Amino acid sequence: MAINKEAIEFHIKEILKALGDDPEREGLKDTPKRVARMYEEVFEGMNYSNDDIVKMFDKTFEEEDYYNDSKDMVVVKDIEIFSYCEHHMALMYDMKVTVAYLPKEKIIGLSKIARIADMVGKRLQLQERIGSDIAYIMSKIIESEDVAVLIEASHSCMTARGIKKTSAKTLSTTFRGAFQENTKLQNQLFMTVNGK
């Protein structure tokens, strides 16, 4: 599915009219084009399914050293991304994603984890779904269910409108495999993330 920039331009122009402004005035003349270019960039992830993203970043390293039963954990924390809430198309910002996994036979390059989080965020989303999407993609690539995703974010649908609670943060957790079954492992992850 390709993003239709011409349709976006047309509808942004109509929204400007509906707001009671003149889309032909100097300050707004190029706004529909700018918004269409911005949407093409910030919603790039809508062009790809989770399985497409798996294929995009499906380069792993098969390391015998990581084939073990010791449950060593790999954690990449504070991956900064943004997304847009599907309910209000409002910005989810100051979003920090932590991804953890237990390596089996395959390990993934660290920058790929950040790229996966970034691409998943570039959709109309729910914070909870971002965690599920990242966990799904990671588990397919590393061929292991042992994945956890923690997300903390501010939602402008809560901070800039409606209830207007500017310091409210939303935390979400997604646990799969051993992380879902083992509370000791969950606690180890929380202590690692919190530096304790």
C-alpha atoms as a PDB file:
ATOM      1  CA  MET A   1       0.000   0.000   0.000  1.00  0.00           C
ATOM      2  CA  ALA A   2       1.531   3.311  -1.060  1.00  0.00           C
ATOM      3  CA  ILE A   3       0.722   6.577   0.675  1.00  0.00           C
ATOM      4  CA  ASN A   4      -1.423   8.735  -1.629  1.00  0.00           C
ATOM      5  CA  LYS A   5       0.119  12.204  -1.311  1.00  0.00           C
ATOM      6  CA  GLU A   6      -2.295  13.808  -3.801  1.00  0.00           C
ATOM      7  CA  ALA A   7      -5.309  12.670  -1.762  1.00  0.00           C
ATOM      8  CA  ILE A   8      -3.673  13.943   1.435  1.00  0.00           C
ATOM      9  CA  GLU A   9      -3.048  17.356  -0.201  1.00  0.00           C
ATOM     10  CA  PHE A  10      -6.673  17.591  -1.317  1.00  0.00           C
ATOM     11  CA  HIS A  11      -8.069  16.660   2.099  1.00  0.00           C
ATOM     12  CA  ILE A  12      -5.720  18.945   4.045  1.00  0.00           C
ATOM     13  CA  LYS A  13      -6.909  21.809   1.834  1.00  0.00           C
ATOM     14  CA  GLU A  14     -10.512  20.854   2.659  1.00  0.00           C
ATOM     15  CA  ILE A  15      -9.691  20.698   6.388  1.00  0.00           C
ATOM     16  CA  LEU A  16      -8.204  24.190   6.221  1.00  0.00           C
ATOM     17  CA  LYS A  17     -11.442  25.402   4.612  1.00  0.00           C
ATOM     18  CA  ALA A  18     -13.506  23.559   7.247  1.00  0.00           C
ATOM     19  CA  LEU A  19     -11.497  25.339   9.945  1.00  0.00           C
ATOM     20  CA  GLY A  20     -12.604  28.635   8.402  1.00  0.00           C
ATOM     21  CA  ASP A  21      -9.229  29.604   6.951  1.00  0.00           C
ATOM     22  CA  ASP A  22      -8.201  30.410   3.383  1.00  0.00           C
ATOM     23  CA  PRO A  23      -5.903  27.693   1.958  1.00  0.00           C
ATOM     24  CA  GLU A  24      -4.839  30.139  -0.770  1.00  0.00           C
ATOM     25  CA  ARG A  25      -3.396  32.726   1.615  1.00  0.00           C
ATOM     26  CA  GLU A  26       0.391  33.095   1.601  1.00  0.00           C
ATOM     27  CA  GLY A  27       1.119  31.217   4.843  1.00  0.00           C
ATOM     28  CA  LEU A  28      -1.073  28.247   3.895  1.00  0.00           C
ATOM     29  CA  LYS A  29      -0.556  28.002   0.129  1.00  0.00           C
ATOM     30  CA  ASP A  30       2.036  25.222   0.373  1.00  0.00           C
ATOM     31  CA  THR A  31       0.758  23.660   3.611  1.00  0.00           C
ATOM     32  CA  PRO A  32      -1.128  20.772   1.930  1.00  0.00           C
ATOM     33  CA  LYS A  33       2.055  19.758   0.037  1.00  0.00           C
ATOM     34  CA  ARG A  34       4.191  20.051   3.185  1.00  0.00           C
ATOM     35  CA  VAL A  35       1.727  17.989   5.233  1.00  0.00           C
ATOM     36  CA  ALA A  36       1.597  15.313   2.508  1.00  0.00           C
ATOM     37  CA  ARG A  37       5.420  15.073   2.470  1.00  0.00           C
ATOM     38  CA  MET A  38       5.474  14.930   6.276  1.00  0.00           C
ATOM     39  CA  TYR A  39       2.816  12.193   6.365  1.00  0.00           C
ATOM     40  CA  GLU A  40       4.751  10.168   3.791  1.00  0.00           C
ATOM     41  CA  GLU A  41       7.744  10.295   6.153  1.00  0.00           C
ATOM     42  CA  VAL A  42       6.104   9.875   9.576  1.00  0.00           C
ATOM     43  CA  PHE A  43       3.712   7.137   8.406  1.00  0.00           C
ATOM     44  CA  GLU A  44       6.280   5.190   6.357  1.00  0.00           C
ATOM     45  CA  GLY A  45       5.641   2.074   8.442  1.00  0.00           C
ATOM     46  CA  MET A  46       2.080   1.879   7.097  1.00  0.00           C
ATOM     47  CA  ASN A  47       3.569   0.696   3.798  1.00  0.00           C
ATOM     48  CA  TYR A  48       4.778  -2.526   5.445  1.00  0.00           C
ATOM     49  CA  SER A  49       3.212  -5.398   7.351  1.00  0.00           C
ATOM     50  CA  ASN A  50       5.004  -6.889  10.349  1.00  0.00           C
ATOM     51  CA  ASP A  51       6.122  -9.759   8.113  1.00  0.00           C
ATOM     52  CA  ASP A  52       7.533  -7.249   5.587  1.00  0.00           C
ATOM     53  CA  ILE A  53       9.547  -5.689   8.417  1.00  0.00           C
ATOM     54  CA  VAL A  54      10.785  -9.151   9.425  1.00  0.00           C
ATOM     55  CA  LYS A  55      12.139  -9.611   5.884  1.00  0.00           C
ATOM     56  CA  MET A  56      13.596  -6.090   5.886  1.00  0.00           C
ATOM     57  CA  PHE A  57      15.706  -6.684   9.011  1.00  0.00           C
ATOM     58  CA  ASP A  58      16.173 -10.464   8.896  1.00  0.00           C
ATOM     59  CA  LYS A  59      19.964 -10.460   9.199  1.00  0.00           C
ATOM     60  CA  THR A  60      21.214 -12.314  12.232  1.00  0.00           C
ATOM     61  CA  PHE A  61      24.455 -13.799  13.425  1.00  0.00           C
ATOM     62  CA  GLU A  62      24.567 -17.461  14.322  1.00  0.00           C
ATOM     63  CA  GLU A  63      26.884 -17.624  17.287  1.00  0.00           C
ATOM     64  CA  GLU A  64      27.682 -20.887  19.015  1.00  0.00           C
ATOM     65  CA  ASP A  65      28.739 -18.905  22.089  1.00  0.00           C
ATOM     66  CA  TYR A  66      25.128 -17.789  22.500  1.00  0.00           C
ATOM     67  CA  TYR A  67      23.668 -21.259  22.322  1.00  0.00           C
ATOM     68  CA  ASN A  68      23.394 -21.867  26.031  1.00  0.00           C
ATOM     69  CA  ASP A  69      21.014 -22.535  28.856  1.00  0.00           C
ATOM     70  CA  SER A  70      22.275 -19.735  31.097  1.00  0.00           C
ATOM     71  CA  LYS A  71      19.536 -17.328  29.971  1.00  0.00           C
ATOM     72  CA  ASP A  72      21.901 -14.421  29.311  1.00  0.00           C
ATOM     73  CA  MET A  73      19.815 -11.370  28.483  1.00  0.00           C
ATOM     74  CA  VAL A  74      20.399  -8.743  25.795  1.00  0.00           C
ATOM     75  CA  VAL A  75      18.762  -5.383  26.544  1.00  0.00           C
ATOM     76  CA  VAL A  76      18.649  -2.264  24.379  1.00  0.00           C
ATOM     77  CA  LYS A  77      17.001   0.529  26.337  1.00  0.00           C
ATOM     78  CA  ASP A  78      15.904   4.115  25.759  1.00  0.00           C
ATOM     79  CA  ILE A  79      15.305   3.761  22.019  1.00  0.00           C
ATOM     80  CA  GLU A  80      13.632   7.072  21.236  1.00  0.00           C
ATOM     81  CA  ILE A  81      10.777   6.882  18.761  1.00  0.00           C
ATOM     82  CA  PHE A  82       7.491   8.688  18.168  1.00  0.00           C
ATOM     83  CA  SER A  83       4.147   7.591  16.844  1.00  0.00           C
ATOM     84  CA  TYR A  84       0.625   8.855  16.261  1.00  0.00           C
ATOM     85  CA  CYS A  85      -2.385   7.630  18.223  1.00  0.00           C
ATOM     86  CA  GLU A  86      -4.984   6.074  15.949  1.00  0.00           C
ATOM     87  CA  HIS A  87      -7.847   7.497  18.022  1.00  0.00           C
ATOM     88  CA  HIS A  88      -7.052  11.216  17.622  1.00  0.00           C
ATOM     89  CA  MET A  89      -4.070  11.147  15.212  1.00  0.00           C
ATOM     90  CA  ALA A  90      -2.297  12.869  18.109  1.00  0.00           C
ATOM     91  CA  LEU A  91       1.444  12.627  18.661  1.00  0.00           C
ATOM     92  CA  MET A  92       2.860  10.079  21.101  1.00  0.00           C
ATOM     93  CA  TYR A  93       6.169  11.649  22.109  1.00  0.00           C
ATOM     94  CA  ASP A  94       9.076  11.320  24.545  1.00  0.00           C
ATOM     95  CA  MET A  95       8.598   7.644  23.768  1.00  0.00           C
ATOM     96  CA  LYS A  96      11.336   5.361  25.049  1.00  0.00           C
ATOM     97  CA  VAL A  97      11.362   1.723  24.043  1.00  0.00           C
ATOM     98  CA  THR A  98      13.321  -1.035  25.760  1.00  0.00           C
ATOM     99  CA  VAL A  99      13.711  -4.360  23.958  1.00  0.00           C
ATOM    100  CA  ALA A 100      15.123  -7.422  25.695  1.00  0.00           C
ATOM    101  CA  TYR A 101      15.624 -10.969  24.481  1.00  0.00           C
ATOM    102  CA  LEU A 102      17.277 -14.214  25.497  1.00  0.00           C
ATOM    103  CA  PRO A 103      19.614 -15.330  22.700  1.00  0.00           C
ATOM    104  CA  LYS A 104      19.433 -18.881  21.531  1.00  0.00           C
ATOM    105  CA  GLU A 105      21.212 -19.684  18.282  1.00  0.00           C
ATOM    106  CA  LYS A 106      20.662 -16.316  16.612  1.00  0.00           C
ATOM    107  CA  ILE A 107      21.523 -12.783  17.671  1.00  0.00           C
ATOM    108  CA  ILE A 108      20.487  -9.594  15.910  1.00  0.00           C
ATOM    109  CA  GLY A 109      22.532  -6.449  15.307  1.00  0.00           C
ATOM    110  CA  LEU A 110      21.718  -3.806  17.893  1.00  0.00           C
ATOM    111  CA  SER A 111      20.946  -1.080  15.351  1.00  0.00           C
ATOM    112  CA  LYS A 112      18.371  -3.389  13.747  1.00  0.00           C
ATOM    113  CA  ILE A 113      16.429  -3.448  17.017  1.00  0.00           C
ATOM    114  CA  ALA A 114      16.243   0.355  16.957  1.00  0.00           C
ATOM    115  CA  ARG A 115      15.249   0.327  13.268  1.00  0.00           C
ATOM    116  CA  ILE A 116      12.449  -2.160  13.961  1.00  0.00           C
ATOM    117  CA  ALA A 117      11.090   0.015  16.794  1.00  0.00           C
ATOM    118  CA  ASP A 118      11.304   3.098  14.594  1.00  0.00           C
ATOM    119  CA  MET A 119       9.470   1.492  11.656  1.00  0.00           C
ATOM    120  CA  VAL A 120       6.723   0.046  13.872  1.00  0.00           C
ATOM    121  CA  GLY A 121       6.162   3.504  15.381  1.00  0.00           C
ATOM    122  CA  LYS A 122       5.658   5.067  11.948  1.00  0.00           C
ATOM    123  CA  ARG A 123       2.028   3.984  11.764  1.00  0.00           C
ATOM    124  CA  LEU A 124      -1.274   5.040  13.254  1.00  0.00           C
ATOM    125  CA  GLN A 125      -0.822   3.074  16.435  1.00  0.00           C
ATOM    126  CA  LEU A 126      -1.704   2.181  19.984  1.00  0.00           C
ATOM    127  CA  GLN A 127       1.187   2.064  22.444  1.00  0.00           C
ATOM    128  CA  GLU A 128       0.210  -1.476  23.420  1.00  0.00           C
ATOM    129  CA  ARG A 129       0.286  -2.592  19.782  1.00  0.00           C
ATOM    130  CA  ILE A 130       3.732  -1.085  19.254  1.00  0.00           C
ATOM    131  CA  GLY A 131       5.019  -3.441  21.962  1.00  0.00           C
ATOM    132  CA  SER A 132       3.218  -6.444  20.455  1.00  0.00           C
ATOM    133  CA  ASP A 133       4.420  -5.629  16.926  1.00  0.00           C
ATOM    134  CA  ILE A 134       8.051  -5.271  18.036  1.00  0.00           C
ATOM    135  CA  ALA A 135       7.863  -8.531  20.034  1.00  0.00           C
ATOM    136  CA  TYR A 136       6.365 -10.378  17.042  1.00  0.00           C
ATOM    137  CA  ILE A 137       9.013  -9.088  14.613  1.00  0.00           C
ATOM    138  CA  MET A 138      11.884  -9.788  17.013  1.00  0.00           C
ATOM    139  CA  SER A 139      10.696 -13.322  17.760  1.00  0.00           C
ATOM    140  CA  LYS A 140      10.422 -14.129  14.046  1.00  0.00           C
ATOM    141  CA  ILE A 141      13.920 -12.818  13.321  1.00  0.00           C
ATOM    142  CA  ILE A 142      15.740 -14.430  16.256  1.00  0.00           C
ATOM    143  CA  GLU A 143      13.536 -17.561  16.109  1.00  0.00           C
ATOM    144  CA  SER A 144      12.766 -17.375  19.814  1.00  0.00           C
ATOM    145  CA  GLU A 145       9.676 -16.349  21.759  1.00  0.00           C
ATOM    146  CA  ASP A 146      11.795 -15.030  24.644  1.00  0.00           C
ATOM    147  CA  VAL A 147      11.245 -11.303  24.021  1.00  0.00           C
ATOM    148  CA  ALA A 148      10.149  -8.385  26.201  1.00  0.00           C
ATOM    149  CA  VAL A 149       9.262  -4.825  25.214  1.00  0.00           C
ATOM    150  CA  LEU A 150       8.804  -1.964  27.696  1.00  0.00           C
ATOM    151  CA  ILE A 151       7.518   1.416  26.519  1.00  0.00           C
ATOM    152  CA  GLU A 152       7.097   4.745  28.284  1.00  0.00           C
ATOM    153  CA  ALA A 153       5.522   7.688  26.469  1.00  0.00           C
ATOM    154  CA  SER A 154       3.620  10.933  26.683  1.00  0.00           C
ATOM    155  CA  HIS A 155       0.416  11.177  24.655  1.00  0.00           C
ATOM    156  CA  SER A 156      -0.646  14.575  23.367  1.00  0.00           C
ATOM    157  CA  CYS A 157      -4.256  13.360  23.375  1.00  0.00           C
ATOM    158  CA  MET A 158      -3.877  13.495  27.179  1.00  0.00           C
ATOM    159  CA  THR A 159      -1.371  16.325  27.587  1.00  0.00           C
ATOM    160  CA  ALA A 160      -2.506  18.939  25.035  1.00  0.00           C
ATOM    161  CA  ARG A 161      -6.268  18.318  24.886  1.00  0.00           C
ATOM    162  CA  GLY A 162      -9.030  16.753  26.940  1.00  0.00           C
ATOM    163  CA  ILE A 163      -7.815  16.198  30.490  1.00  0.00           C
ATOM    164  CA  LYS A 164      -4.566  18.201  29.849  1.00  0.00           C
ATOM    165  CA  LYS A 165      -2.358  16.372  32.341  1.00  0.00           C
ATOM    166  CA  THR A 166       1.013  17.469  30.971  1.00  0.00           C
ATOM    167  CA  SER A 167       3.220  15.252  33.124  1.00  0.00           C
ATOM    168  CA  ALA A 168       1.214  12.021  32.656  1.00  0.00           C
ATOM    169  CA  LYS A 169       3.217   9.123  31.203  1.00  0.00           C
ATOM    170  CA  THR A 170       1.917   5.812  29.929  1.00  0.00           C
ATOM    171  CA  LEU A 171       3.888   2.641  30.640  1.00  0.00           C
ATOM    172  CA  SER A 172       3.252  -0.619  28.819  1.00  0.00           C
ATOM    173  CA  THR A 173       4.867  -4.035  28.979  1.00  0.00           C
ATOM    174  CA  THR A 174       4.842  -6.871  26.483  1.00  0.00           C
ATOM    175  CA  PHE A 175       6.217 -10.212  27.662  1.00  0.00           C
ATOM    176  CA  ARG A 176       6.593 -13.274  25.465  1.00  0.00           C
ATOM    177  CA  GLY A 177       8.041 -16.723  26.100  1.00  0.00           C
ATOM    178  CA  ALA A 178      10.235 -16.998  29.207  1.00  0.00           C
ATOM    179  CA  PHE A 179       9.575 -13.345  30.092  1.00  0.00           C
ATOM    180  CA  GLN A 180       5.854 -14.069  30.306  1.00  0.00           C
ATOM    181  CA  GLU A 181       6.272 -17.172  32.436  1.00  0.00           C
ATOM    182  CA  ASN A 182       9.096 -16.154  34.783  1.00  0.00           C
ATOM    183  CA  THR A 183       8.521 -13.276  37.224  1.00  0.00           C
ATOM    184  CA  LYS A 184      12.149 -13.554  38.401  1.00  0.00           C
ATOM    185  CA  LEU A 185      13.239 -12.809  34.828  1.00  0.00           C
ATOM    186  CA  GLN A 186      10.804  -9.881  34.648  1.00  0.00           C
ATOM    187  CA  ASN A 187      12.236  -8.476  37.894  1.00  0.00           C
ATOM    188  CA  GLN A 188      15.786  -8.914  36.561  1.00  0.00           C
ATOM    189  CA  LEU A 189      14.787  -6.941  33.471  1.00  0.00           C
ATOM    190  CA  PHE A 190      13.228  -4.130  35.536  1.00  0.00           C
ATOM    191  CA  MET A 191      16.330  -3.942  37.742  1.00  0.00           C
ATOM    192  CA  THR A 192      18.586  -3.840  34.659  1.00  0.00           C
ATOM    193  CA  VAL A 193      16.528  -1.093  33.042  1.00  0.00           C
ATOM    194  CA  ASN A 194      16.361   0.948  36.257  1.00  0.00           C
ATOM    195  CA  GLY A 195      20.097   0.553  36.903  1.00  0.00           C
ATOM    196  CA  LYS A 196      19.775  -1.377  40.171  1.00  0.00           C
END
